[in-house]
Amino acid sequence: MADLSVKIGDLQLKNPVMTASGTFGFGEEFADFIDLNRLAGIVVKGLTPKLREGNPYPRMAETASGMLNTVGLQNRGVDYFINHIYPRIKDLDTHIIVNVNGSTVEEYIEVTKKINKLANVPAMELNISCPNVKEGGMAFGVSCPSAMAVTKAVREVYDRTLIVKLSPNVTAIDDIAIAVEEAGADAVSLVNTFLGMAIDAEKQKPILSTITGGLSGPAIKPIALRMVWQVSQAVEIPVIGMGGIMDATDAIEFILAGASAIQVGTANFIDPQVSVKIIEGIDEYLEQHDIDSIAELVGALNID
């Protein structure tokens, strides 16, 4: 049997398949569908310092080969997570990774300090790439100085594996990746959603309440693949790839492009068992191609 294990910073993963923040709740919502312990990690729904109601409805729209969302980081706040949700999921045999958000550097630090005290949260994903909030979020991820500043500030108060989630809505994503690497990131995850919109032609109005939202799903995969490959060429730290991964073949393509691990997002809405199917599919691929370890595939794209 092939070795599926991978390492992200100090984080040892049993396989390369995690679930993407905002698409898998806190994991427990999917417990009736799959064995959560088979996953490498669950990146939980994004947390902020206080309760956020999110954006007004409607805030989701189906598109050709994808979906738009403008949920706006709706959550009950980090303290609610610590007191009510964390106790229920902390003993799962998978890595719980917290997605941290803020409108200011101080808010990012506030949430990080609280997460750093949780014994069974070995890593956090610093979200500097959300396109669906009016302040913070993507604002920190679209320039090198701001991305570096928030990463450096969080690094100073966080002593575990730090993953920084990058925005694709930039001119040169590899420059942003280099900036956060220099600021102390242990890994980068990409891509978050692309800014898009949908229009109701009959009503002659935008479908989403906020007019624009984040596009995800198969439609973004070719661009996400290119960005993962581009970033993997630019940094020494591990890359976690995502963006339209619907099956094991998609996952393997991201790994060949340079991703050490992947996250499954939109596909969870279509098939709640998809992440486990992808793990099984990767295992079958390695066996069929007589490959002993998933590590042999990382960045093994043949471009000669």
C-alpha atoms as a PDB file:
ATOM      1  CA  MET A   1       0.000   0.000   0.000  1.00  0.00           C
ATOM      2  CA  ALA A   2       1.337   3.428  -0.959  1.00  0.00           C
ATOM      3  CA  ASP A   3       2.392   6.000   1.637  1.00  0.00           C
ATOM      4  CA  LEU A   4      -0.137   8.861   1.493  1.00  0.00           C
ATOM      5  CA  SER A   5       1.353  10.884   4.356  1.00  0.00           C
ATOM      6  CA  VAL A   6       2.565  14.433   3.837  1.00  0.00           C
ATOM      7  CA  LYS A   7       4.061  17.112   6.064  1.00  0.00           C
ATOM      8  CA  ILE A   8       3.006  20.769   6.222  1.00  0.00           C
ATOM      9  CA  GLY A   9       5.292  22.659   8.583  1.00  0.00           C
ATOM     10  CA  ASP A  10       5.183  20.643  11.815  1.00  0.00           C
ATOM     11  CA  LEU A  11       1.860  19.158  10.785  1.00  0.00           C
ATOM     12  CA  GLN A  12       2.005  15.477   9.870  1.00  0.00           C
ATOM     13  CA  LEU A  13      -0.980  14.543   7.690  1.00  0.00           C
ATOM     14  CA  LYS A  14      -2.135  10.947   7.155  1.00  0.00           C
ATOM     15  CA  ASN A  15      -3.016  11.810   3.532  1.00  0.00           C
ATOM     16  CA  PRO A  16      -3.119  14.956   1.396  1.00  0.00           C
ATOM     17  CA  VAL A  17      -6.899  15.568   1.519  1.00  0.00           C
ATOM     18  CA  MET A  18      -8.413  18.295   3.704  1.00  0.00           C
ATOM     19  CA  THR A  19     -11.733  20.112   3.520  1.00  0.00           C
ATOM     20  CA  ALA A  20     -11.863  23.812   2.705  1.00  0.00           C
ATOM     21  CA  SER A  21     -13.099  26.407   5.163  1.00  0.00           C
ATOM     22  CA  GLY A  22     -16.682  27.513   4.654  1.00  0.00           C
ATOM     23  CA  THR A  23     -17.683  24.351   2.798  1.00  0.00           C
ATOM     24  CA  PHE A  24     -17.643  21.746   5.571  1.00  0.00           C
ATOM     25  CA  GLY A  25     -18.979  23.572   8.610  1.00  0.00           C
ATOM     26  CA  PHE A  26     -17.111  22.406  11.693  1.00  0.00           C
ATOM     27  CA  GLY A  27     -16.917  18.829  10.464  1.00  0.00           C
ATOM     28  CA  GLU A  28     -19.621  17.417  12.706  1.00  0.00           C
ATOM     29  CA  GLU A  29     -22.278  18.363  10.158  1.00  0.00           C
ATOM     30  CA  PHE A  30     -20.840  15.688   7.835  1.00  0.00           C
ATOM     31  CA  ALA A  31     -20.420  12.945  10.445  1.00  0.00           C
ATOM     32  CA  ASP A  32     -23.531  11.099   9.223  1.00  0.00           C
ATOM     33  CA  PHE A  33     -22.069  10.835   5.717  1.00  0.00           C
ATOM     34  CA  ILE A  34     -18.389   9.951   6.183  1.00  0.00           C
ATOM     35  CA  ASP A  35     -15.873   8.811   8.763  1.00  0.00           C
ATOM     36  CA  LEU A  36     -14.292  12.148   9.648  1.00  0.00           C
ATOM     37  CA  ASN A  37     -11.236  10.361  11.020  1.00  0.00           C
ATOM     38  CA  ARG A  38     -10.205   9.386   7.499  1.00  0.00           C
ATOM     39  CA  LEU A  39      -9.566  13.002   6.553  1.00  0.00           C
ATOM     40  CA  ALA A  40      -6.117  14.572   6.828  1.00  0.00           C
ATOM     41  CA  GLY A  41      -7.674  17.677   8.286  1.00  0.00           C
ATOM     42  CA  ILE A  42     -10.793  19.775   8.599  1.00  0.00           C
ATOM     43  CA  VAL A  43     -10.391  23.509   8.057  1.00  0.00           C
ATOM     44  CA  VAL A  44     -13.325  24.832  10.019  1.00  0.00           C
ATOM     45  CA  LYS A  45     -15.639  27.683   9.119  1.00  0.00           C
ATOM     46  CA  GLY A  46     -13.919  31.051   9.401  1.00  0.00           C
ATOM     47  CA  LEU A  47     -13.842  32.671  12.840  1.00  0.00           C
ATOM     48  CA  THR A  48     -13.871  36.344  13.798  1.00  0.00           C
ATOM     49  CA  PRO A  49     -13.520  38.061  17.210  1.00  0.00           C
ATOM     50  CA  LYS A  50     -17.268  38.615  17.620  1.00  0.00           C
ATOM     51  CA  LEU A  51     -20.507  37.289  16.142  1.00  0.00           C
ATOM     52  CA  ARG A  52     -21.006  38.171  12.486  1.00  0.00           C
ATOM     53  CA  GLU A  53     -24.422  37.953  10.852  1.00  0.00           C
ATOM     54  CA  GLY A  54     -22.893  37.853   7.389  1.00  0.00           C
ATOM     55  CA  ASN A  55     -24.324  39.503   4.316  1.00  0.00           C
ATOM     56  CA  PRO A  56     -28.059  39.847   3.534  1.00  0.00           C
ATOM     57  CA  TYR A  57     -29.831  37.188   1.475  1.00  0.00           C
ATOM     58  CA  PRO A  58     -29.708  36.147  -1.320  1.00  0.00           C
ATOM     59  CA  ARG A  59     -26.055  35.260  -0.952  1.00  0.00           C
ATOM     60  CA  MET A  60     -25.553  32.179  -3.121  1.00  0.00           C
ATOM     61  CA  ALA A  61     -26.053  31.703  -6.838  1.00  0.00           C
ATOM     62  CA  GLU A  62     -25.409  28.750  -9.124  1.00  0.00           C
ATOM     63  CA  THR A  63     -23.331  29.455 -12.215  1.00  0.00           C
ATOM     64  CA  ALA A  64     -22.140  27.435 -15.186  1.00  0.00           C
ATOM     65  CA  SER A  65     -19.635  24.943 -13.690  1.00  0.00           C
ATOM     66  CA  GLY A  66     -19.561  26.627 -10.334  1.00  0.00           C
ATOM     67  CA  MET A  67     -21.227  28.775  -7.729  1.00  0.00           C
ATOM     68  CA  LEU A  68     -21.067  32.299  -6.339  1.00  0.00           C
ATOM     69  CA  ASN A  69     -21.284  33.039  -2.650  1.00  0.00           C
ATOM     70  CA  THR A  70     -21.318  36.145  -0.544  1.00  0.00           C
ATOM     71  CA  VAL A  71     -21.939  34.633   2.875  1.00  0.00           C
ATOM     72  CA  GLY A  72     -19.656  37.217   4.456  1.00  0.00           C
ATOM     73  CA  LEU A  73     -17.985  35.158   7.188  1.00  0.00           C
ATOM     74  CA  GLN A  74     -21.154  34.492   9.164  1.00  0.00           C
ATOM     75  CA  ASN A  75     -20.155  32.904  12.477  1.00  0.00           C
ATOM     76  CA  ARG A  76     -20.857  33.165  16.200  1.00  0.00           C
ATOM     77  CA  GLY A  77     -17.367  34.343  17.071  1.00  0.00           C
ATOM     78  CA  VAL A  78     -14.238  32.689  18.382  1.00  0.00           C
ATOM     79  CA  ASP A  79     -15.423  32.431  21.990  1.00  0.00           C
ATOM     80  CA  TYR A  80     -18.532  30.482  20.970  1.00  0.00           C
ATOM     81  CA  PHE A  81     -16.329  28.115  19.000  1.00  0.00           C
ATOM     82  CA  ILE A  82     -14.017  27.585  21.976  1.00  0.00           C
ATOM     83  CA  ASN A  83     -16.809  27.028  24.483  1.00  0.00           C
ATOM     84  CA  HIS A  84     -19.367  25.074  22.456  1.00  0.00           C
ATOM     85  CA  ILE A  85     -17.927  23.567  19.266  1.00  0.00           C
ATOM     86  CA  TYR A  86     -14.303  22.788  20.067  1.00  0.00           C
ATOM     87  CA  PRO A  87     -15.210  20.410  22.934  1.00  0.00           C
ATOM     88  CA  ARG A  88     -17.291  18.321  20.511  1.00  0.00           C
ATOM     89  CA  ILE A  89     -14.658  17.974  17.784  1.00  0.00           C
ATOM     90  CA  LYS A  90     -11.308  18.183  19.607  1.00  0.00           C
ATOM     91  CA  ASP A  91     -10.916  14.419  19.996  1.00  0.00           C
ATOM     92  CA  LEU A  92     -11.464  13.488  16.359  1.00  0.00           C
ATOM     93  CA  ASP A  93      -8.581  11.520  14.841  1.00  0.00           C
ATOM     94  CA  THR A  94      -7.952  14.222  12.285  1.00  0.00           C
ATOM     95  CA  HIS A  95      -6.360  17.659  12.432  1.00  0.00           C
ATOM     96  CA  ILE A  96      -8.678  20.539  13.308  1.00  0.00           C
ATOM     97  CA  ILE A  97      -7.387  23.655  11.578  1.00  0.00           C
ATOM     98  CA  VAL A  98      -8.967  27.015  12.382  1.00  0.00           C
ATOM     99  CA  ASN A  99      -9.515  29.618   9.665  1.00  0.00           C
ATOM    100  CA  VAL A 100      -8.839  33.020  11.276  1.00  0.00           C
ATOM    101  CA  ASN A 101     -10.279  36.309  10.026  1.00  0.00           C
ATOM    102  CA  GLY A 102     -10.292  39.941  11.039  1.00  0.00           C
ATOM    103  CA  SER A 103     -11.015  43.471   9.874  1.00  0.00           C
ATOM    104  CA  THR A 104      -7.810  44.820  11.404  1.00  0.00           C
ATOM    105  CA  VAL A 105      -4.424  43.391  12.328  1.00  0.00           C
ATOM    106  CA  GLU A 106      -5.457  43.710  15.972  1.00  0.00           C
ATOM    107  CA  GLU A 107      -8.516  41.518  15.365  1.00  0.00           C
ATOM    108  CA  TYR A 108      -6.411  38.845  13.687  1.00  0.00           C
ATOM    109  CA  ILE A 109      -4.097  38.884  16.711  1.00  0.00           C
ATOM    110  CA  GLU A 110      -7.038  38.692  19.140  1.00  0.00           C
ATOM    111  CA  VAL A 111      -8.440  35.547  17.526  1.00  0.00           C
ATOM    112  CA  THR A 112      -4.992  33.987  17.071  1.00  0.00           C
ATOM    113  CA  LYS A 113      -4.050  34.336  20.734  1.00  0.00           C
ATOM    114  CA  LYS A 114      -7.206  32.474  21.753  1.00  0.00           C
ATOM    115  CA  ILE A 115      -6.719  29.714  19.175  1.00  0.00           C
ATOM    116  CA  ASN A 116      -3.087  29.305  20.242  1.00  0.00           C
ATOM    117  CA  LYS A 117      -4.299  28.092  23.652  1.00  0.00           C
ATOM    118  CA  LEU A 118      -6.290  25.155  22.219  1.00  0.00           C
ATOM    119  CA  ALA A 119      -4.266  21.982  22.670  1.00  0.00           C
ATOM    120  CA  ASN A 120      -5.976  20.044  19.882  1.00  0.00           C
ATOM    121  CA  VAL A 121      -5.692  22.695  17.177  1.00  0.00           C
ATOM    122  CA  PRO A 122      -2.216  22.144  15.695  1.00  0.00           C
ATOM    123  CA  ALA A 123      -2.496  24.670  12.871  1.00  0.00           C
ATOM    124  CA  MET A 124      -4.355  27.729  11.726  1.00  0.00           C
ATOM    125  CA  GLU A 125      -5.171  29.137   8.323  1.00  0.00           C
ATOM    126  CA  LEU A 126      -4.787  32.907   8.193  1.00  0.00           C
ATOM    127  CA  ASN A 127      -7.430  34.141   5.786  1.00  0.00           C
ATOM    128  CA  ILE A 128      -6.235  37.304   4.056  1.00  0.00           C
ATOM    129  CA  SER A 129      -8.242  36.565   0.936  1.00  0.00           C
ATOM    130  CA  CYS A 130     -12.004  36.709   1.556  1.00  0.00           C
ATOM    131  CA  PRO A 131     -13.685  38.775  -1.207  1.00  0.00           C
ATOM    132  CA  ASN A 132     -17.053  38.983   0.563  1.00  0.00           C
ATOM    133  CA  VAL A 133     -16.446  41.431   3.397  1.00  0.00           C
ATOM    134  CA  LYS A 134     -16.308  45.210   3.147  1.00  0.00           C
ATOM    135  CA  GLU A 135     -13.207  45.605   5.290  1.00  0.00           C
ATOM    136  CA  GLY A 136     -10.272  43.388   6.145  1.00  0.00           C
ATOM    137  CA  GLY A 137     -10.163  40.006   4.445  1.00  0.00           C
ATOM    138  CA  MET A 138      -8.976  40.411   0.896  1.00  0.00           C
ATOM    139  CA  ALA A 139      -7.715  43.923   1.606  1.00  0.00           C
ATOM    140  CA  PHE A 140      -4.760  42.390   3.440  1.00  0.00           C
ATOM    141  CA  GLY A 141      -4.037  39.893   0.669  1.00  0.00           C
ATOM    142  CA  VAL A 142      -3.811  42.115  -2.372  1.00  0.00           C
ATOM    143  CA  SER A 143      -0.503  43.849  -1.648  1.00  0.00           C
ATOM    144  CA  CYS A 144       2.843  42.549  -0.461  1.00  0.00           C
ATOM    145  CA  PRO A 145       3.312  45.066   2.382  1.00  0.00           C
ATOM    146  CA  SER A 146      -0.108  44.418   3.945  1.00  0.00           C
ATOM    147  CA  ALA A 147       0.112  40.639   3.493  1.00  0.00           C
ATOM    148  CA  MET A 148       3.552  40.666   5.075  1.00  0.00           C
ATOM    149  CA  ALA A 149       2.455  42.921   7.939  1.00  0.00           C
ATOM    150  CA  VAL A 150      -0.499  40.817   9.069  1.00  0.00           C
ATOM    151  CA  THR A 151       1.433  37.556   8.667  1.00  0.00           C
ATOM    152  CA  LYS A 152       4.365  38.900  10.701  1.00  0.00           C
ATOM    153  CA  ALA A 153       2.054  40.167  13.444  1.00  0.00           C
ATOM    154  CA  VAL A 154       0.269  36.827  13.719  1.00  0.00           C
ATOM    155  CA  ARG A 155       3.527  34.869  13.576  1.00  0.00           C
ATOM    156  CA  GLU A 156       4.736  36.719  16.656  1.00  0.00           C
ATOM    157  CA  VAL A 157       1.831  35.433  18.762  1.00  0.00           C
ATOM    158  CA  TYR A 158       1.358  31.974  17.221  1.00  0.00           C
ATOM    159  CA  ASP A 159       3.742  29.080  17.852  1.00  0.00           C
ATOM    160  CA  ARG A 160       2.248  26.314  15.703  1.00  0.00           C
ATOM    161  CA  THR A 161       1.884  25.647  11.983  1.00  0.00           C
ATOM    162  CA  LEU A 162       0.801  28.841  10.228  1.00  0.00           C
ATOM    163  CA  ILE A 163      -0.879  28.520   6.830  1.00  0.00           C
ATOM    164  CA  VAL A 164      -1.692  31.733   4.948  1.00  0.00           C
ATOM    165  CA  LYS A 165      -4.614  31.618   2.517  1.00  0.00           C
ATOM    166  CA  LEU A 166      -3.925  33.698  -0.581  1.00  0.00           C
ATOM    167  CA  SER A 167      -6.275  35.689  -2.782  1.00  0.00           C
ATOM    168  CA  PRO A 168      -6.283  35.006  -6.532  1.00  0.00           C
ATOM    169  CA  ASN A 169      -7.625  38.524  -7.152  1.00  0.00           C
ATOM    170  CA  VAL A 170      -4.142  39.967  -7.541  1.00  0.00           C
ATOM    171  CA  THR A 171      -1.716  40.767 -10.322  1.00  0.00           C
ATOM    172  CA  ALA A 172       1.153  38.553  -9.143  1.00  0.00           C
ATOM    173  CA  ILE A 173       0.181  35.899  -6.616  1.00  0.00           C
ATOM    174  CA  ASP A 174       3.737  34.559  -6.470  1.00  0.00           C
ATOM    175  CA  ASP A 175       4.942  37.911  -5.104  1.00  0.00           C
ATOM    176  CA  ILE A 176       2.340  37.742  -2.318  1.00  0.00           C
ATOM    177  CA  ALA A 177       3.428  34.180  -1.536  1.00  0.00           C
ATOM    178  CA  ILE A 178       7.063  35.222  -1.268  1.00  0.00           C
ATOM    179  CA  ALA A 179       6.073  38.099   1.040  1.00  0.00           C
ATOM    180  CA  VAL A 180       4.199  35.889   3.512  1.00  0.00           C
ATOM    181  CA  GLU A 181       6.965  33.280   3.397  1.00  0.00           C
ATOM    182  CA  GLU A 182       9.454  35.951   4.403  1.00  0.00           C
ATOM    183  CA  ALA A 183       7.071  37.040   7.183  1.00  0.00           C
ATOM    184  CA  GLY A 184       7.080  33.578   8.738  1.00  0.00           C
ATOM    185  CA  ALA A 185       4.348  31.506   7.087  1.00  0.00           C
ATOM    186  CA  ASP A 186       4.917  27.745   7.262  1.00  0.00           C
ATOM    187  CA  ALA A 187       2.732  27.113   4.203  1.00  0.00           C
ATOM    188  CA  VAL A 188       0.365  28.859   1.805  1.00  0.00           C
ATOM    189  CA  SER A 189      -3.066  27.708   0.677  1.00  0.00           C
ATOM    190  CA  LEU A 190      -4.564  28.808  -2.643  1.00  0.00           C
ATOM    191  CA  VAL A 191      -6.758  29.747  -4.243  1.00  0.00           C
ATOM    192  CA  ASN A 192      -9.661  31.412  -2.538  1.00  0.00           C
ATOM    193  CA  THR A 193     -12.623  32.443  -4.675  1.00  0.00           C
ATOM    194  CA  PHE A 194     -12.471  34.759  -7.662  1.00  0.00           C
ATOM    195  CA  LEU A 195     -14.552  37.935  -7.623  1.00  0.00           C
ATOM    196  CA  GLY A 196     -17.568  37.527  -9.912  1.00  0.00           C
ATOM    197  CA  MET A 197     -21.239  38.401 -10.289  1.00  0.00           C
ATOM    198  CA  ALA A 198     -24.540  37.056 -11.563  1.00  0.00           C
ATOM    199  CA  ILE A 199     -27.467  38.950 -13.116  1.00  0.00           C
ATOM    200  CA  ASP A 200     -31.164  38.077 -13.370  1.00  0.00           C
ATOM    201  CA  ALA A 201     -31.996  39.176 -16.908  1.00  0.00           C
ATOM    202  CA  GLU A 202     -35.769  39.091 -16.355  1.00  0.00           C
ATOM    203  CA  LYS A 203     -35.646  41.272 -13.242  1.00  0.00           C
ATOM    204  CA  GLN A 204     -32.683  43.204 -14.662  1.00  0.00           C
ATOM    205  CA  LYS A 205     -31.068  43.067 -11.230  1.00  0.00           C
ATOM    206  CA  PRO A 206     -28.007  41.411  -9.663  1.00  0.00           C
ATOM    207  CA  ILE A 207     -28.798  38.041  -8.072  1.00  0.00           C
ATOM    208  CA  LEU A 208     -26.557  38.499  -5.032  1.00  0.00           C
ATOM    209  CA  SER A 209     -27.433  41.067  -2.371  1.00  0.00           C
ATOM    210  CA  THR A 210     -23.895  42.435  -2.485  1.00  0.00           C
ATOM    211  CA  ILE A 211     -23.845  42.476  -6.322  1.00  0.00           C
ATOM    212  CA  THR A 212     -20.496  40.677  -6.457  1.00  0.00           C
ATOM    213  CA  GLY A 213     -19.378  37.489  -4.743  1.00  0.00           C
ATOM    214  CA  GLY A 214     -16.783  34.734  -4.750  1.00  0.00           C
ATOM    215  CA  LEU A 215     -16.753  32.259  -7.643  1.00  0.00           C
ATOM    216  CA  SER A 216     -15.732  28.671  -6.895  1.00  0.00           C
ATOM    217  CA  GLY A 217     -16.108  25.242  -8.469  1.00  0.00           C
ATOM    218  CA  PRO A 218     -14.818  23.593 -11.660  1.00  0.00           C
ATOM    219  CA  ALA A 219     -14.955  26.894 -13.568  1.00  0.00           C
ATOM    220  CA  ILE A 220     -11.913  28.219 -11.698  1.00  0.00           C
ATOM    221  CA  LYS A 221      -9.795  25.063 -11.794  1.00  0.00           C
ATOM    222  CA  PRO A 222      -7.538  25.918 -14.780  1.00  0.00           C
ATOM    223  CA  ILE A 223      -6.636  29.286 -13.263  1.00  0.00           C
ATOM    224  CA  ALA A 224      -6.169  27.803  -9.800  1.00  0.00           C
ATOM    225  CA  LEU A 225      -3.872  25.116 -11.232  1.00  0.00           C
ATOM    226  CA  ARG A 226      -1.758  27.760 -12.941  1.00  0.00           C
ATOM    227  CA  MET A 227      -1.477  29.781  -9.750  1.00  0.00           C
ATOM    228  CA  VAL A 228      -0.531  26.756  -7.641  1.00  0.00           C
ATOM    229  CA  TRP A 229       2.172  25.832 -10.145  1.00  0.00           C
ATOM    230  CA  GLN A 230       3.387  29.442 -10.266  1.00  0.00           C
ATOM    231  CA  VAL A 231       3.574  29.789  -6.470  1.00  0.00           C
ATOM    232  CA  SER A 232       5.227  26.393  -6.003  1.00  0.00           C
ATOM    233  CA  GLN A 233       8.039  27.589  -8.260  1.00  0.00           C
ATOM    234  CA  ALA A 234       8.490  30.754  -6.202  1.00  0.00           C
ATOM    235  CA  VAL A 235       8.528  29.585  -2.558  1.00  0.00           C
ATOM    236  CA  GLU A 236      10.280  26.928  -0.495  1.00  0.00           C
ATOM    237  CA  ILE A 237       7.380  26.348   1.918  1.00  0.00           C
ATOM    238  CA  PRO A 238       4.635  23.794   1.144  1.00  0.00           C
ATOM    239  CA  VAL A 239       1.684  24.774  -1.028  1.00  0.00           C
ATOM    240  CA  ILE A 240      -1.862  23.584  -0.358  1.00  0.00           C
ATOM    241  CA  GLY A 241      -3.928  23.662  -3.534  1.00  0.00           C
ATOM    242  CA  MET A 242      -7.644  24.163  -4.048  1.00  0.00           C
ATOM    243  CA  GLY A 243     -10.051  25.475  -6.632  1.00  0.00           C
ATOM    244  CA  GLY A 244     -12.531  23.269  -8.464  1.00  0.00           C
ATOM    245  CA  ILE A 245     -11.281  19.908  -7.173  1.00  0.00           C
ATOM    246  CA  MET A 246     -14.149  17.485  -7.808  1.00  0.00           C
ATOM    247  CA  ASP A 247     -12.423  14.086  -7.880  1.00  0.00           C
ATOM    248  CA  ALA A 248      -9.132  12.288  -7.399  1.00  0.00           C
ATOM    249  CA  THR A 249      -7.874  13.183 -10.871  1.00  0.00           C
ATOM    250  CA  ASP A 250      -8.301  16.870 -10.114  1.00  0.00           C
ATOM    251  CA  ALA A 251      -6.435  16.424  -6.832  1.00  0.00           C
ATOM    252  CA  ILE A 252      -3.563  14.619  -8.537  1.00  0.00           C
ATOM    253  CA  GLU A 253      -3.269  17.414 -11.094  1.00  0.00           C
ATOM    254  CA  PHE A 254      -2.821  19.947  -8.283  1.00  0.00           C
ATOM    255  CA  ILE A 255      -0.212  17.733  -6.637  1.00  0.00           C
ATOM    256  CA  LEU A 256       1.672  17.367  -9.918  1.00  0.00           C
ATOM    257  CA  ALA A 257       1.568  21.157 -10.232  1.00  0.00           C
ATOM    258  CA  GLY A 258       3.358  21.468  -6.882  1.00  0.00           C
ATOM    259  CA  ALA A 259       0.764  21.153  -4.131  1.00  0.00           C
ATOM    260  CA  SER A 260       1.827  19.037  -1.159  1.00  0.00           C
ATOM    261  CA  ALA A 261      -1.810  18.734  -0.069  1.00  0.00           C
ATOM    262  CA  ILE A 262      -5.218  19.823  -1.311  1.00  0.00           C
ATOM    263  CA  GLN A 263      -8.510  21.128   0.047  1.00  0.00           C
ATOM    264  CA  VAL A 264     -11.936  20.118  -1.234  1.00  0.00           C
ATOM    265  CA  GLY A 265     -14.536  22.884  -1.248  1.00  0.00           C
ATOM    266  CA  THR A 266     -17.518  23.292  -3.546  1.00  0.00           C
ATOM    267  CA  ALA A 267     -17.654  19.557  -4.279  1.00  0.00           C
ATOM    268  CA  ASN A 268     -18.809  18.982  -0.677  1.00  0.00           C
ATOM    269  CA  PHE A 269     -22.122  20.642  -1.530  1.00  0.00           C
ATOM    270  CA  ILE A 270     -22.688  18.178  -4.369  1.00  0.00           C
ATOM    271  CA  ASP A 271     -21.463  14.984  -2.714  1.00  0.00           C
ATOM    272  CA  PRO A 272     -20.831  14.990   1.052  1.00  0.00           C
ATOM    273  CA  GLN A 273     -18.701  11.836   0.662  1.00  0.00           C
ATOM    274  CA  VAL A 274     -16.431  13.277  -2.016  1.00  0.00           C
ATOM    275  CA  SER A 275     -13.388  13.899   0.202  1.00  0.00           C
ATOM    276  CA  VAL A 276     -13.133  10.228   1.197  1.00  0.00           C
ATOM    277  CA  LYS A 277     -13.678   9.177  -2.419  1.00  0.00           C
ATOM    278  CA  ILE A 278     -10.768  11.410  -3.399  1.00  0.00           C
ATOM    279  CA  ILE A 279      -8.510   9.774  -0.793  1.00  0.00           C
ATOM    280  CA  GLU A 280      -9.429   6.353  -2.160  1.00  0.00           C
ATOM    281  CA  GLY A 281      -8.919   7.546  -5.735  1.00  0.00           C
ATOM    282  CA  ILE A 282      -5.439   8.896  -4.997  1.00  0.00           C
ATOM    283  CA  ASP A 283      -4.514   5.578  -3.391  1.00  0.00           C
ATOM    284  CA  GLU A 284      -5.738   3.697  -6.477  1.00  0.00           C
ATOM    285  CA  TYR A 285      -3.789   6.023  -8.777  1.00  0.00           C
ATOM    286  CA  LEU A 286      -0.547   5.425  -6.892  1.00  0.00           C
ATOM    287  CA  GLU A 287      -1.091   1.671  -7.013  1.00  0.00           C
ATOM    288  CA  GLN A 288      -1.893   1.699 -10.732  1.00  0.00           C
ATOM    289  CA  HIS A 289       1.239   3.718 -11.503  1.00  0.00           C
ATOM    290  CA  ASP A 290       3.459   1.709  -9.126  1.00  0.00           C
ATOM    291  CA  ILE A 291       4.275   4.800  -7.031  1.00  0.00           C
ATOM    292  CA  ASP A 292       5.342   4.126  -3.452  1.00  0.00           C
ATOM    293  CA  SER A 293       4.659   7.540  -1.933  1.00  0.00           C
ATOM    294  CA  ILE A 294       2.517  10.571  -2.669  1.00  0.00           C
ATOM    295  CA  ALA A 295       5.642  12.662  -2.058  1.00  0.00           C
ATOM    296  CA  GLU A 296       7.019  11.402  -5.376  1.00  0.00           C
ATOM    297  CA  LEU A 297       4.160  13.186  -7.196  1.00  0.00           C
ATOM    298  CA  VAL A 298       4.548  16.621  -5.614  1.00  0.00           C
ATOM    299  CA  GLY A 299       5.731  18.984  -8.319  1.00  0.00           C
ATOM    300  CA  ALA A 300       6.512  16.067 -10.647  1.00  0.00           C
ATOM    301  CA  LEU A 301       4.898  17.727 -13.655  1.00  0.00           C
ATOM    302  CA  ASN A 302       6.851  16.831 -16.797  1.00  0.00           C
ATOM    303  CA  ILE A 303       7.298  20.033 -18.781  1.00  0.00           C
ATOM    304  CA  ASP A 304      10.154  18.882 -21.046  1.00  0.00           C
END
